[in-house]
Protein backbone atom coordinates (compact mmCIF):
# COMPACT_ATOMS: atom_id res chain seq x y z
CA MET A 1 -59.38 47.27 -135.86
CA GLY A 2 -57.79 44.01 -137.03
CA GLU A 3 -57.19 42.76 -140.51
CA PHE A 4 -60.16 41.29 -142.36
CA ALA A 5 -60.09 37.67 -143.41
CA ARG A 6 -59.72 37.06 -147.14
CA LEU A 7 -62.94 36.19 -148.97
CA ASP A 8 -62.66 33.32 -151.45
CA PRO A 9 -63.16 35.05 -154.83
CA LEU A 10 -64.68 31.88 -156.27
CA LEU A 11 -67.43 31.92 -153.66
CA HIS A 12 -67.80 35.69 -153.70
CA SER A 13 -70.15 35.53 -156.67
CA GLU A 14 -73.89 35.66 -156.14
CA LEU A 15 -74.69 32.69 -158.37
CA ARG A 16 -71.83 30.44 -157.23
CA LEU A 17 -72.65 31.27 -153.61
CA ALA A 18 -76.31 30.39 -154.24
CA VAL A 19 -75.34 27.06 -155.82
CA MET A 20 -73.01 26.19 -152.95
CA SER A 21 -75.55 27.24 -150.30
CA THR A 22 -78.22 25.11 -151.96
CA LEU A 23 -75.94 22.09 -152.16
CA LEU A 24 -74.94 22.47 -148.51
CA SER A 25 -78.51 21.83 -147.45
CA LEU A 26 -79.18 18.98 -149.90
CA GLU A 27 -77.44 15.70 -150.55
CA GLU A 28 -77.58 16.46 -154.26
CA ALA A 29 -79.39 18.70 -156.72
CA ASP A 30 -79.92 18.35 -160.42
CA PHE A 31 -79.31 21.10 -162.94
CA VAL A 32 -83.00 21.89 -163.41
CA TYR A 33 -83.53 22.29 -159.67
CA LEU A 34 -80.50 24.57 -159.35
CA ARG A 35 -81.61 26.66 -162.33
CA GLU A 36 -85.07 27.13 -160.84
CA ALA A 37 -83.76 27.74 -157.30
CA THR A 38 -81.27 30.38 -158.43
CA GLY A 39 -83.24 31.94 -161.28
CA ALA A 40 -80.14 31.71 -163.46
CA THR A 41 -80.09 31.11 -167.18
CA ALA A 42 -78.98 27.65 -168.23
CA GLY A 43 -75.87 29.03 -169.93
CA ASN A 44 -74.72 31.09 -166.96
CA LEU A 45 -75.44 28.30 -164.48
CA SER A 46 -73.50 25.83 -166.62
CA VAL A 47 -70.43 28.10 -166.64
CA GLN A 48 -70.58 28.65 -162.87
CA ILE A 49 -71.04 24.93 -162.15
CA GLU A 50 -67.98 24.20 -164.28
CA LYS A 51 -65.92 26.72 -162.27
CA LEU A 52 -67.00 25.15 -158.98
CA CYS A 53 -66.28 21.68 -160.33
CA ASN A 54 -62.82 22.68 -161.59
CA ALA A 55 -62.04 24.09 -158.13
CA GLY A 56 -63.00 20.76 -156.54
CA TYR A 57 -65.90 22.33 -154.61
CA ILE A 58 -68.58 20.19 -156.27
CA THR A 59 -68.82 17.02 -158.30
CA VAL A 60 -70.90 16.81 -161.45
CA GLU A 61 -72.37 13.57 -162.69
CA LYS A 62 -73.99 13.46 -166.12
CA GLY A 63 -76.37 10.70 -166.98
CA PHE A 64 -79.90 10.01 -168.09
CA ALA A 65 -83.28 9.77 -166.38
CA GLY A 66 -85.07 7.63 -168.90
CA ARG A 67 -84.27 9.29 -172.20
CA LYS A 68 -83.70 12.76 -170.77
CA PRO A 69 -80.18 13.94 -169.93
CA ARG A 70 -79.69 14.66 -166.22
CA THR A 71 -76.84 16.51 -164.54
CA VAL A 72 -76.50 16.01 -160.79
CA CYS A 73 -74.29 18.17 -158.56
CA ARG A 74 -72.98 17.33 -155.10
CA ILE A 75 -70.85 19.41 -152.75
CA THR A 76 -67.46 17.92 -151.85
CA ALA A 77 -65.74 17.94 -148.46
CA ALA A 78 -63.41 20.63 -149.85
CA GLY A 79 -66.44 22.65 -150.96
CA ALA A 80 -68.10 22.38 -147.56
CA GLU A 81 -64.85 23.44 -145.89
CA ALA A 82 -64.48 26.38 -148.29
CA MET A 83 -68.03 27.49 -147.46
CA ALA A 84 -67.36 27.26 -143.71
CA THR A 85 -64.19 29.34 -144.14
CA TYR A 86 -66.09 31.85 -146.27
CA VAL A 87 -68.81 32.24 -143.64
CA GLU A 88 -66.21 32.73 -140.90
CA ALA A 89 -64.51 35.39 -143.03
CA LEU A 90 -67.83 37.18 -143.50
CA LYS A 91 -68.38 37.10 -139.75
CA SER A 92 -65.07 38.92 -139.27
CA TYR A 93 -66.32 41.71 -141.51
CA ILE A 94 -69.41 42.31 -139.42
CA GLY A 95 -67.89 41.57 -136.03
CA ILE A 96 -69.63 38.28 -135.23
CA LYS A 97 -67.58 35.69 -133.37
């Protein structure tokens, strides 16, 4: 049996993985959508989004929709590449090529 590929510890978190997976399939998602899609609390989601942003995996744009604050997240090329690498590493664990 060969050596297993290293799993990115930043992506190996249920909530961060859910955020990244959601953003992979969408051009962008706002904070409210991500909170509802993941079932996370606002505080926890905010912390995890900040970690992903600091890693360069997503961008975060804060603005307003009318008078309401709106936070929009988008996956970066580095984030998409990190996800692809993560999926390939998972495949090595379960023997999929």
